Amino acid sequence: MEEIVKQADLLGYRGEKREEYLKQEFKLLAESQAREKKEEAERRERKEEADRKERLELEKMKLDAEMKLLQAKIEAGIIKNEPDGSGVRSSDAGAKHPKLPNF
């Protein structure tokens, strides 16, 4: 802002012409600052959206890997695929509860 006033002095503007010049330059400065602020907000928003997409993609990859692991366990017979959807591990099929006595 000081630079604008110095520029008005260097150009030799006085009185009403000086006021008009300063008003015009301050208006341009305010518009420029508002535009920069808006662009920064848009950049930040795009970055946040990209970060969200990346997190979702990573979560999808994790779930896909878990699904493939479960499918491999089912195929290997480690987990039985029960019709009701309750997968029962074959190793647990006849196991007794650890805290209950075996009768």
PDB file of N, CA and C in Angstrom:
ATOM      1  N   MET A   1       0.821  -1.183   0.000  1.00  0.00           N
ATOM      2  CA  MET A   1       0.000   0.000   0.000  1.00  0.00           C
ATOM      3  C   MET A   1       0.869   1.253   0.000  1.00  0.00           C
ATOM      4  N   GLU A   2       1.965   1.185   0.737  1.00  0.00           N
ATOM      5  CA  GLU A   2       2.880   2.329   0.744  1.00  0.00           C
ATOM      6  C   GLU A   2       3.440   2.564  -0.651  1.00  0.00           C
ATOM      7  N   GLU A   3       3.659   1.459  -1.369  1.00  0.00           N
ATOM      8  CA  GLU A   3       4.201   1.571  -2.723  1.00  0.00           C
ATOM      9  C   GLU A   3       3.245   2.322  -3.636  1.00  0.00           C
ATOM     10  N   ILE A   4       1.957   2.113  -3.438  1.00  0.00           N
ATOM     11  CA  ILE A   4       0.961   2.802  -4.263  1.00  0.00           C
ATOM     12  C   ILE A   4       1.006   4.303  -3.987  1.00  0.00           C
ATOM     13  N   VAL A   5       1.116   4.662  -2.712  1.00  0.00           N
ATOM     14  CA  VAL A   5       1.191   6.081  -2.348  1.00  0.00           C
ATOM     15  C   VAL A   5       2.471   6.696  -2.907  1.00  0.00           C
ATOM     16  N   LYS A   6       3.593   5.980  -2.794  1.00  0.00           N
ATOM     17  CA  LYS A   6       4.861   6.480  -3.340  1.00  0.00           C
ATOM     18  C   LYS A   6       4.764   6.657  -4.848  1.00  0.00           C
ATOM     19  N   GLN A   7       4.093   5.699  -5.511  1.00  0.00           N
ATOM     20  CA  GLN A   7       3.937   5.787  -6.965  1.00  0.00           C
ATOM     21  C   GLN A   7       3.120   7.024  -7.335  1.00  0.00           C
ATOM     22  N   ALA A   8       2.075   7.315  -6.549  1.00  0.00           N
ATOM     23  CA  ALA A   8       1.260   8.509  -6.806  1.00  0.00           C
ATOM     24  C   ALA A   8       2.111   9.765  -6.648  1.00  0.00           C
ATOM     25  N   ASP A   9       2.990   9.769  -5.640  1.00  0.00           N
ATOM     26  CA  ASP A   9       3.884  10.911  -5.430  1.00  0.00           C
ATOM     27  C   ASP A   9       4.847  11.059  -6.599  1.00  0.00           C
ATOM     28  N   LEU A  10       5.421   9.929  -7.041  1.00  0.00           N
ATOM     29  CA  LEU A  10       6.375   9.971  -8.152  1.00  0.00           C
ATOM     30  C   LEU A  10       5.723  10.447  -9.446  1.00  0.00           C
ATOM     31  N   LEU A  11       4.463  10.093  -9.627  1.00  0.00           N
ATOM     32  CA  LEU A  11       3.752  10.520 -10.833  1.00  0.00           C
ATOM     33  C   LEU A  11       3.303  11.976 -10.737  1.00  0.00           C
ATOM     34  N   GLY A  12       3.441  12.547  -9.553  1.00  0.00           N
ATOM     35  CA  GLY A  12       3.114  13.957  -9.366  1.00  0.00           C
ATOM     36  C   GLY A  12       1.627  14.232  -9.230  1.00  0.00           C
ATOM     37  N   TYR A  13       0.860  13.221  -8.879  1.00  0.00           N
ATOM     38  CA  TYR A  13      -0.577  13.426  -8.719  1.00  0.00           C
ATOM     39  C   TYR A  13      -0.850  14.223  -7.455  1.00  0.00           C
ATOM     40  N   ARG A  14      -1.758  15.188  -7.558  1.00  0.00           N
ATOM     41  CA  ARG A  14      -2.147  16.025  -6.429  1.00  0.00           C
ATOM     42  C   ARG A  14      -3.667  16.151  -6.398  1.00  0.00           C
ATOM     43  N   GLY A  15      -4.165  16.385  -5.210  1.00  0.00           N
ATOM     44  CA  GLY A  15      -5.587  16.671  -5.032  1.00  0.00           C
ATOM     45  C   GLY A  15      -6.504  15.559  -5.507  1.00  0.00           C
ATOM     46  N   GLU A  16      -7.501  15.974  -6.296  1.00  0.00           N
ATOM     47  CA  GLU A  16      -8.531  15.041  -6.745  1.00  0.00           C
ATOM     48  C   GLU A  16      -7.961  13.942  -7.640  1.00  0.00           C
ATOM     49  N   LYS A  17      -7.010  14.294  -8.466  1.00  0.00           N
ATOM     50  CA  LYS A  17      -6.399  13.302  -9.353  1.00  0.00           C
ATOM     51  C   LYS A  17      -5.659  12.237  -8.532  1.00  0.00           C
ATOM     52  N   ARG A  18      -4.996  12.676  -7.470  1.00  0.00           N
ATOM     53  CA  ARG A  18      -4.289  11.740  -6.579  1.00  0.00           C
ATOM     54  C   ARG A  18      -5.285  10.795  -5.899  1.00  0.00           C
ATOM     55  N   GLU A  19      -6.383  11.351  -5.377  1.00  0.00           N
ATOM     56  CA  GLU A  19      -7.396  10.534  -4.719  1.00  0.00           C
ATOM     57  C   GLU A  19      -7.987   9.506  -5.685  1.00  0.00           C
ATOM     58  N   GLU A  20      -8.267   9.937  -6.895  1.00  0.00           N
ATOM     59  CA  GLU A  20      -8.820   9.025  -7.901  1.00  0.00           C
ATOM     60  C   GLU A  20      -7.825   7.920  -8.230  1.00  0.00           C
ATOM     61  N   TYR A  21      -6.556   8.291  -8.377  1.00  0.00           N
ATOM     62  CA  TYR A  21      -5.509   7.296  -8.669  1.00  0.00           C
ATOM     63  C   TYR A  21      -5.393   6.289  -7.522  1.00  0.00           C
ATOM     64  N   LEU A  22      -5.344   6.793  -6.281  1.00  0.00           N
ATOM     65  CA  LEU A  22      -5.226   5.907  -5.119  1.00  0.00           C
ATOM     66  C   LEU A  22      -6.443   4.984  -5.003  1.00  0.00           C
ATOM     67  N   LYS A  23      -7.644   5.545  -5.210  1.00  0.00           N
ATOM     68  CA  LYS A  23      -8.852   4.739  -5.141  1.00  0.00           C
ATOM     69  C   LYS A  23      -8.799   3.613  -6.182  1.00  0.00           C
ATOM     70  N   GLN A  24      -8.401   3.955  -7.394  1.00  0.00           N
ATOM     71  CA  GLN A  24      -8.304   2.966  -8.481  1.00  0.00           C
ATOM     72  C   GLN A  24      -7.280   1.877  -8.137  1.00  0.00           C
ATOM     73  N   GLU A  25      -6.112   2.275  -7.675  1.00  0.00           N
ATOM     74  CA  GLU A  25      -5.047   1.312  -7.368  1.00  0.00           C
ATOM     75  C   GLU A  25      -5.410   0.421  -6.175  1.00  0.00           C
ATOM     76  N   PHE A  26      -6.027   1.002  -5.147  1.00  0.00           N
ATOM     77  CA  PHE A  26      -6.438   0.198  -3.995  1.00  0.00           C
ATOM     78  C   PHE A  26      -7.532  -0.795  -4.388  1.00  0.00           C
ATOM     79  N   LYS A  27      -8.421  -0.364  -5.285  1.00  0.00           N
ATOM     80  CA  LYS A  27      -9.463  -1.265  -5.775  1.00  0.00           C
ATOM     81  C   LYS A  27      -8.826  -2.438  -6.522  1.00  0.00           C
ATOM     82  N   LEU A  28      -7.866  -2.143  -7.386  1.00  0.00           N
ATOM     83  CA  LEU A  28      -7.173  -3.207  -8.123  1.00  0.00           C
ATOM     84  C   LEU A  28      -6.431  -4.145  -7.171  1.00  0.00           C
ATOM     85  N   LEU A  29      -5.799  -3.567  -6.153  1.00  0.00           N
ATOM     86  CA  LEU A  29      -5.082  -4.375  -5.166  1.00  0.00           C
ATOM     87  C   LEU A  29      -6.049  -5.296  -4.412  1.00  0.00           C
ATOM     88  N   ALA A  30      -7.183  -4.755  -3.994  1.00  0.00           N
ATOM     89  CA  ALA A  30      -8.179  -5.555  -3.267  1.00  0.00           C
ATOM     90  C   ALA A  30      -8.712  -6.686  -4.149  1.00  0.00           C
ATOM     91  N   GLU A  31      -8.981  -6.385  -5.415  1.00  0.00           N
ATOM     92  CA  GLU A  31      -9.459  -7.420  -6.340  1.00  0.00           C
ATOM     93  C   GLU A  31      -8.411  -8.507  -6.523  1.00  0.00           C
ATOM     94  N   SER A  32      -7.166  -8.095  -6.641  1.00  0.00           N
ATOM     95  CA  SER A  32      -6.078  -9.053  -6.816  1.00  0.00           C
ATOM     96  C   SER A  32      -5.942  -9.953  -5.593  1.00  0.00           C
ATOM     97  N   GLN A  33      -6.010  -9.355  -4.409  1.00  0.00           N
ATOM     98  CA  GLN A  33      -5.907 -10.139  -3.174  1.00  0.00           C
ATOM     99  C   GLN A  33      -7.087 -11.097  -3.031  1.00  0.00           C
ATOM    100  N   ALA A  34      -8.273 -10.639  -3.390  1.00  0.00           N
ATOM    101  CA  ALA A  34      -9.458 -11.503  -3.313  1.00  0.00           C
ATOM    102  C   ALA A  34      -9.325 -12.671  -4.286  1.00  0.00           C
ATOM    103  N   ARG A  35      -8.831 -12.393  -5.481  1.00  0.00           N
ATOM    104  CA  ARG A  35      -8.633 -13.439  -6.485  1.00  0.00           C
ATOM    105  C   ARG A  35      -7.610 -14.463  -5.994  1.00  0.00           C
ATOM    106  N   GLU A  36      -6.503 -13.986  -5.410  1.00  0.00           N
ATOM    107  CA  GLU A  36      -5.475 -14.892  -4.883  1.00  0.00           C
ATOM    108  C   GLU A  36      -6.034 -15.755  -3.753  1.00  0.00           C
ATOM    109  N   LYS A  37      -6.830 -15.145  -2.882  1.00  0.00           N
ATOM    110  CA  LYS A  37      -7.431 -15.879  -1.770  1.00  0.00           C
ATOM    111  C   LYS A  37      -8.374 -16.966  -2.297  1.00  0.00           C
ATOM    112  N   LYS A  38      -9.172 -16.612  -3.305  1.00  0.00           N
ATOM    113  CA  LYS A  38     -10.101 -17.573  -3.901  1.00  0.00           C
ATOM    114  C   LYS A  38      -9.339 -18.718  -4.559  1.00  0.00           C
ATOM    115  N   GLU A  39      -8.277 -18.391  -5.290  1.00  0.00           N
ATOM    116  CA  GLU A  39      -7.473 -19.423  -5.950  1.00  0.00           C
ATOM    117  C   GLU A  39      -6.824 -20.348  -4.923  1.00  0.00           C
ATOM    118  N   GLU A  40      -6.355 -19.784  -3.827  1.00  0.00           N
ATOM    119  CA  GLU A  40      -5.748 -20.596  -2.765  1.00  0.00           C
ATOM    120  C   GLU A  40      -6.786 -21.544  -2.160  1.00  0.00           C
ATOM    121  N   ALA A  41      -7.989 -21.044  -1.932  1.00  0.00           N
ATOM    122  CA  ALA A  41      -9.061 -21.887  -1.388  1.00  0.00           C
ATOM    123  C   ALA A  41      -9.406 -23.009  -2.367  1.00  0.00           C
ATOM    124  N   GLU A  42      -9.438 -22.695  -3.656  1.00  0.00           N
ATOM    125  CA  GLU A  42      -9.722 -23.717  -4.670  1.00  0.00           C
ATOM    126  C   GLU A  42      -8.614 -24.760  -4.724  1.00  0.00           C
ATOM    127  N   ARG A  43      -7.356 -24.324  -4.620  1.00  0.00           N
ATOM    128  CA  ARG A  43      -6.233 -25.276  -4.603  1.00  0.00           C
ATOM    129  C   ARG A  43      -6.328 -26.194  -3.386  1.00  0.00           C
ATOM    130  N   ARG A  44      -6.623 -25.605  -2.235  1.00  0.00           N
ATOM    131  CA  ARG A  44      -6.746 -26.381  -1.008  1.00  0.00           C
ATOM    132  C   ARG A  44      -7.893 -27.391  -1.137  1.00  0.00           C
ATOM    133  N   GLU A  45      -9.005 -26.955  -1.714  1.00  0.00           N
ATOM    134  CA  GLU A  45     -10.159 -27.838  -1.900  1.00  0.00           C
ATOM    135  C   GLU A  45      -9.821 -28.993  -2.850  1.00  0.00           C
ATOM    136  N   ARG A  46      -9.118 -28.693  -3.945  1.00  0.00           N
ATOM    137  CA  ARG A  46      -8.714 -29.752  -4.885  1.00  0.00           C
ATOM    138  C   ARG A  46      -7.776 -30.742  -4.207  1.00  0.00           C
ATOM    139  N   LYS A  47      -6.853 -30.239  -3.387  1.00  0.00           N
ATOM    140  CA  LYS A  47      -5.920 -31.123  -2.684  1.00  0.00           C
ATOM    141  C   LYS A  47      -6.668 -32.018  -1.696  1.00  0.00           C
ATOM    142  N   GLU A  48      -7.609 -31.440  -0.954  1.00  0.00           N
ATOM    143  CA  GLU A  48      -8.395 -32.225  -0.003  1.00  0.00           C
ATOM    144  C   GLU A  48      -9.194 -33.302  -0.729  1.00  0.00           C
ATOM    145  N   GLU A  49      -9.769 -32.957  -1.882  1.00  0.00           N
ATOM    146  CA  GLU A  49     -10.530 -33.933  -2.666  1.00  0.00           C
ATOM    147  C   GLU A  49      -9.617 -35.049  -3.164  1.00  0.00           C
ATOM    148  N   ALA A  50      -8.428 -34.689  -3.622  1.00  0.00           N
ATOM    149  CA  ALA A  50      -7.468 -35.703  -4.080  1.00  0.00           C
ATOM    150  C   ALA A  50      -7.052 -36.605  -2.919  1.00  0.00           C
ATOM    151  N   ASP A  51      -6.853 -36.022  -1.746  1.00  0.00           N
ATOM    152  CA  ASP A  51      -6.494 -36.812  -0.562  1.00  0.00           C
ATOM    153  C   ASP A  51      -7.621 -37.773  -0.184  1.00  0.00           C
ATOM    154  N   ARG A  52      -8.875 -37.274  -0.252  1.00  0.00           N
ATOM    155  CA  ARG A  52     -10.024 -38.141   0.046  1.00  0.00           C
ATOM    156  C   ARG A  52     -10.093 -39.306  -0.937  1.00  0.00           C
ATOM    157  N   LYS A  53      -9.906 -39.007  -2.215  1.00  0.00           N
ATOM    158  CA  LYS A  53      -9.946 -40.064  -3.228  1.00  0.00           C
ATOM    159  C   LYS A  53      -8.837 -41.082  -2.984  1.00  0.00           C
ATOM    160  N   GLU A  54      -7.664 -40.598  -2.616  1.00  0.00           N
ATOM    161  CA  GLU A  54      -6.547 -41.504  -2.353  1.00  0.00           C
ATOM    162  C   GLU A  54      -6.852 -42.402  -1.152  1.00  0.00           C
ATOM    163  N   ARG A  55      -7.404 -41.813  -0.077  1.00  0.00           N
ATOM    164  CA  ARG A  55      -7.759 -42.616   1.100  1.00  0.00           C
ATOM    165  C   ARG A  55      -8.808 -43.667   0.747  1.00  0.00           C
ATOM    166  N   LEU A  56      -9.805 -43.274  -0.059  1.00  0.00           N
ATOM    167  CA  LEU A  56     -10.834 -44.229  -0.460  1.00  0.00           C
ATOM    168  C   LEU A  56     -10.253 -45.347  -1.310  1.00  0.00           C
ATOM    169  N   GLU A  57      -9.346 -45.003  -2.203  1.00  0.00           N
ATOM    170  CA  GLU A  57      -8.707 -46.013  -3.048  1.00  0.00           C
ATOM    171  C   GLU A  57      -7.882 -46.976  -2.195  1.00  0.00           C
ATOM    172  N   LEU A  58      -7.154 -46.448  -1.219  1.00  0.00           N
ATOM    173  CA  LEU A  58      -6.376 -47.310  -0.326  1.00  0.00           C
ATOM    174  C   LEU A  58      -7.286 -48.222   0.496  1.00  0.00           C
ATOM    175  N   GLU A  59      -8.394 -47.681   0.978  1.00  0.00           N
ATOM    176  CA  GLU A  59      -9.350 -48.487   1.740  1.00  0.00           C
ATOM    177  C   GLU A  59      -9.937 -49.588   0.856  1.00  0.00           C
ATOM    178  N   LYS A  60     -10.241 -49.245  -0.390  1.00  0.00           N
ATOM    179  CA  LYS A  60     -10.768 -50.242  -1.330  1.00  0.00           C
ATOM    180  C   LYS A  60      -9.735 -51.340  -1.569  1.00  0.00           C
ATOM    181  N   MET A  61      -8.481 -50.954  -1.753  1.00  0.00           N
ATOM    182  CA  MET A  61      -7.424 -51.943  -1.964  1.00  0.00           C
ATOM    183  C   MET A  61      -7.294 -52.854  -0.743  1.00  0.00           C
ATOM    184  N   LYS A  62      -7.399 -52.265   0.451  1.00  0.00           N
ATOM    185  CA  LYS A  62      -7.299 -53.047   1.685  1.00  0.00           C
ATOM    186  C   LYS A  62      -8.447 -54.051   1.774  1.00  0.00           C
ATOM    187  N   LEU A  63      -9.662 -53.586   1.480  1.00  0.00           N
ATOM    188  CA  LEU A  63     -10.818 -54.476   1.530  1.00  0.00           C
ATOM    189  C   LEU A  63     -10.725 -55.573   0.476  1.00  0.00           C
ATOM    190  N   ASP A  64     -10.245 -55.225  -0.715  1.00  0.00           N
ATOM    191  CA  ASP A  64     -10.053 -56.233  -1.765  1.00  0.00           C
ATOM    192  C   ASP A  64      -9.055 -57.296  -1.316  1.00  0.00           C
ATOM    193  N   ALA A  65      -7.977 -56.862  -0.682  1.00  0.00           N
ATOM    194  CA  ALA A  65      -6.961 -57.810  -0.204  1.00  0.00           C
ATOM    195  C   ALA A  65      -7.540 -58.712   0.883  1.00  0.00           C
ATOM    196  N   GLU A  66      -8.322 -58.138   1.802  1.00  0.00           N
ATOM    197  CA  GLU A  66      -8.953 -58.937   2.852  1.00  0.00           C
ATOM    198  C   GLU A  66      -9.923 -59.950   2.253  1.00  0.00           C
ATOM    199  N   MET A  67     -10.676 -59.518   1.231  1.00  0.00           N
ATOM    200  CA  MET A  67     -11.623 -60.411   0.583  1.00  0.00           C
ATOM    201  C   MET A  67     -10.885 -61.573  -0.100  1.00  0.00           C
ATOM    202  N   LYS A  68      -9.794 -61.269  -0.777  1.00  0.00           N
ATOM    203  CA  LYS A  68      -9.013 -62.318  -1.440  1.00  0.00           C
ATOM    204  C   LYS A  68      -8.418 -63.282  -0.417  1.00  0.00           C
ATOM    205  N   LEU A  69      -7.964 -62.755   0.709  1.00  0.00           N
ATOM    206  CA  LEU A  69      -7.417 -63.608   1.762  1.00  0.00           C
ATOM    207  C   LEU A  69      -8.495 -64.539   2.316  1.00  0.00           C
ATOM    208  N   LEU A  70      -9.672 -63.992   2.585  1.00  0.00           N
ATOM    209  CA  LEU A  70     -10.769 -64.831   3.076  1.00  0.00           C
ATOM    210  C   LEU A  70     -11.160 -65.882   2.043  1.00  0.00           C
ATOM    211  N   GLN A  71     -11.210 -65.485   0.773  1.00  0.00           N
ATOM    212  CA  GLN A  71     -11.546 -66.438  -0.287  1.00  0.00           C
ATOM    213  C   GLN A  71     -10.504 -67.552  -0.350  1.00  0.00           C
ATOM    214  N   ALA A  72      -9.239 -67.191  -0.205  1.00  0.00           N
ATOM    215  CA  ALA A  72      -8.172 -68.198  -0.221  1.00  0.00           C
ATOM    216  C   ALA A  72      -8.302 -69.136   0.976  1.00  0.00           C
ATOM    217  N   LYS A  73      -8.670 -68.599   2.138  1.00  0.00           N
ATOM    218  CA  LYS A  73      -8.855 -69.436   3.327  1.00  0.00           C
ATOM    219  C   LYS A  73     -10.029 -70.385   3.137  1.00  0.00           C
ATOM    220  N   ILE A  74     -11.097 -69.898   2.506  1.00  0.00           N
ATOM    221  CA  ILE A  74     -12.250 -70.759   2.235  1.00  0.00           C
ATOM    222  C   ILE A  74     -11.839 -71.880   1.289  1.00  0.00           C
ATOM    223  N   GLU A  75     -11.122 -71.523   0.225  1.00  0.00           N
ATOM    224  CA  GLU A  75     -10.685 -72.519  -0.751  1.00  0.00           C
ATOM    225  C   GLU A  75      -9.718 -73.522  -0.140  1.00  0.00           C
ATOM    226  N   ALA A  76      -8.916 -73.082   0.823  1.00  0.00           N
ATOM    227  CA  ALA A  76      -7.954 -73.976   1.471  1.00  0.00           C
ATOM    228  C   ALA A  76      -8.610 -74.803   2.575  1.00  0.00           C
ATOM    229  N   GLY A  77      -9.856 -74.514   2.891  1.00  0.00           N
ATOM    230  CA  GLY A  77     -10.553 -75.271   3.916  1.00  0.00           C
ATOM    231  C   GLY A  77     -10.293 -74.782   5.321  1.00  0.00           C
ATOM    232  N   ILE A  78      -9.616 -73.676   5.468  1.00  0.00           N
ATOM    233  CA  ILE A  78      -9.358 -73.119   6.800  1.00  0.00           C
ATOM    234  C   ILE A  78     -10.656 -72.555   7.379  1.00  0.00           C
ATOM    235  N   ILE A  79     -11.465 -71.967   6.512  1.00  0.00           N
ATOM    236  CA  ILE A  79     -12.769 -71.440   6.913  1.00  0.00           C
ATOM    237  C   ILE A  79     -13.813 -72.132   6.048  1.00  0.00           C
ATOM    238  N   LYS A  80     -14.874 -72.634   6.698  1.00  0.00           N
ATOM    239  CA  LYS A  80     -15.965 -73.243   5.945  1.00  0.00           C
ATOM    240  C   LYS A  80     -16.976 -72.162   5.625  1.00  0.00           C
ATOM    241  N   ASN A  81     -17.405 -72.141   4.404  1.00  0.00           N
ATOM    242  CA  ASN A  81     -18.390 -71.158   3.972  1.00  0.00           C
ATOM    243  C   ASN A  81     -19.772 -71.715   4.266  1.00  0.00           C
ATOM    244  N   GLU A  82     -20.330 -71.333   5.404  1.00  0.00           N
ATOM    245  CA  GLU A  82     -21.634 -71.829   5.821  1.00  0.00           C
ATOM    246  C   GLU A  82     -22.736 -71.099   5.060  1.00  0.00           C
ATOM    247  N   PRO A  83     -23.847 -71.774   4.772  1.00  0.00           N
ATOM    248  CA  PRO A  83     -24.941 -71.151   4.022  1.00  0.00           C
ATOM    249  C   PRO A  83     -25.520 -69.917   4.709  1.00  0.00           C
ATOM    250  N   ASP A  84     -25.510 -69.885   6.039  1.00  0.00           N
ATOM    251  CA  ASP A  84     -26.075 -68.729   6.739  1.00  0.00           C
ATOM    252  C   ASP A  84     -25.105 -67.556   6.801  1.00  0.00           C
ATOM    253  N   GLY A  85     -23.941 -67.705   6.200  1.00  0.00           N
ATOM    254  CA  GLY A  85     -22.965 -66.624   6.165  1.00  0.00           C
ATOM    255  C   GLY A  85     -22.048 -66.590   7.353  1.00  0.00           C
ATOM    256  N   SER A  86     -22.246 -67.475   8.316  1.00  0.00           N
ATOM    257  CA  SER A  86     -21.362 -67.480   9.478  1.00  0.00           C
ATOM    258  C   SER A  86     -20.208 -68.424   9.189  1.00  0.00           C
ATOM    259  N   GLY A  87     -19.117 -67.882   8.767  1.00  0.00           N
ATOM    260  CA  GLY A  87     -17.943 -68.701   8.468  1.00  0.00           C
ATOM    261  C   GLY A  87     -17.441 -69.349   9.738  1.00  0.00           C
ATOM    262  N   VAL A  88     -17.252 -70.666   9.717  1.00  0.00           N
ATOM    263  CA  VAL A  88     -16.742 -71.390  10.881  1.00  0.00           C
ATOM    264  C   VAL A  88     -15.397 -71.960  10.509  1.00  0.00           C
ATOM    265  N   ARG A  89     -14.403 -71.650  11.290  1.00  0.00           N
ATOM    266  CA  ARG A  89     -13.078 -72.207  11.022  1.00  0.00           C
ATOM    267  C   ARG A  89     -13.113 -73.705  11.287  1.00  0.00           C
ATOM    268  N   SER A  90     -12.525 -74.444  10.381  1.00  0.00           N
ATOM    269  CA  SER A  90     -12.520 -75.898  10.562  1.00  0.00           C
ATOM    270  C   SER A  90     -11.740 -76.274  11.812  1.00  0.00           C
ATOM    271  N   SER A  91     -10.762 -75.454  12.185  1.00  0.00           N
ATOM    272  CA  SER A  91      -9.990 -75.747  13.393  1.00  0.00           C
ATOM    273  C   SER A  91     -10.830 -75.522  14.647  1.00  0.00           C
ATOM    274  N   ASP A  92     -11.909 -74.712  14.530  1.00  0.00           N
ATOM    275  CA  ASP A  92     -12.775 -74.432  15.670  1.00  0.00           C
ATOM    276  C   ASP A  92     -14.002 -75.337  15.698  1.00  0.00           C
ATOM    277  N   ALA A  93     -14.189 -76.146  14.686  1.00  0.00           N
ATOM    278  CA  ALA A  93     -15.438 -76.889  14.522  1.00  0.00           C
ATOM    279  C   ALA A  93     -15.779 -77.747  15.731  1.00  0.00           C
ATOM    280  N   GLY A  94     -14.849 -78.425  16.338  1.00  0.00           N
ATOM    281  CA  GLY A  94     -15.164 -79.272  17.475  1.00  0.00           C
ATOM    282  C   GLY A  94     -14.532 -78.797  18.753  1.00  0.00           C
ATOM    283  N   ALA A  95     -14.038 -77.614  18.774  1.00  0.00           N
ATOM    284  CA  ALA A  95     -13.296 -77.117  19.933  1.00  0.00           C
ATOM    285  C   ALA A  95     -14.226 -76.831  21.094  1.00  0.00           C
ATOM    286  N   LYS A  96     -13.748 -77.093  22.271  1.00  0.00           N
ATOM    287  CA  LYS A  96     -14.481 -76.793  23.499  1.00  0.00           C
ATOM    288  C   LYS A  96     -14.142 -75.374  23.933  1.00  0.00           C
ATOM    289  N   HIS A  97     -15.020 -74.792  24.695  1.00  0.00           N
ATOM    290  CA  HIS A  97     -14.761 -73.456  25.231  1.00  0.00           C
ATOM    291  C   HIS A  97     -13.607 -73.560  26.220  1.00  0.00           C
ATOM    292  N   PRO A  98     -12.601 -72.680  26.132  1.00  0.00           N
ATOM    293  CA  PRO A  98     -11.412 -72.809  26.972  1.00  0.00           C
ATOM    294  C   PRO A  98     -11.672 -72.666  28.468  1.00  0.00           C
ATOM    295  N   LYS A  99     -12.728 -71.982  28.880  1.00  0.00           N
ATOM    296  CA  LYS A  99     -12.970 -71.771  30.307  1.00  0.00           C
ATOM    297  C   LYS A  99     -13.977 -72.766  30.886  1.00  0.00           C
ATOM    298  N   LEU A 100     -14.621 -73.527  30.011  1.00  0.00           N
ATOM    299  CA  LEU A 100     -15.590 -74.501  30.500  1.00  0.00           C
ATOM    300  C   LEU A 100     -14.920 -75.864  30.624  1.00  0.00           C
ATOM    301  N   PRO A 101     -15.289 -76.604  31.660  1.00  0.00           N
ATOM    302  CA  PRO A 101     -14.690 -77.940  31.803  1.00  0.00           C
ATOM    303  C   PRO A 101     -15.221 -78.885  30.723  1.00  0.00           C
ATOM    304  N   ASN A 102     -14.378 -79.801  30.293  1.00  0.00           N
ATOM    305  CA  ASN A 102     -14.777 -80.792  29.296  1.00  0.00           C
ATOM    306  C   ASN A 102     -15.448 -81.958  30.006  1.00  0.00           C
ATOM    307  N   PHE A 103     -16.707 -82.232  29.709  1.00  0.00           N
ATOM    308  CA  PHE A 103     -17.441 -83.337  30.338  1.00  0.00           C
ATOM    309  C   PHE A 103     -17.527 -84.503  29.409  1.00  0.00           C
TER     310      PHE A 103
END
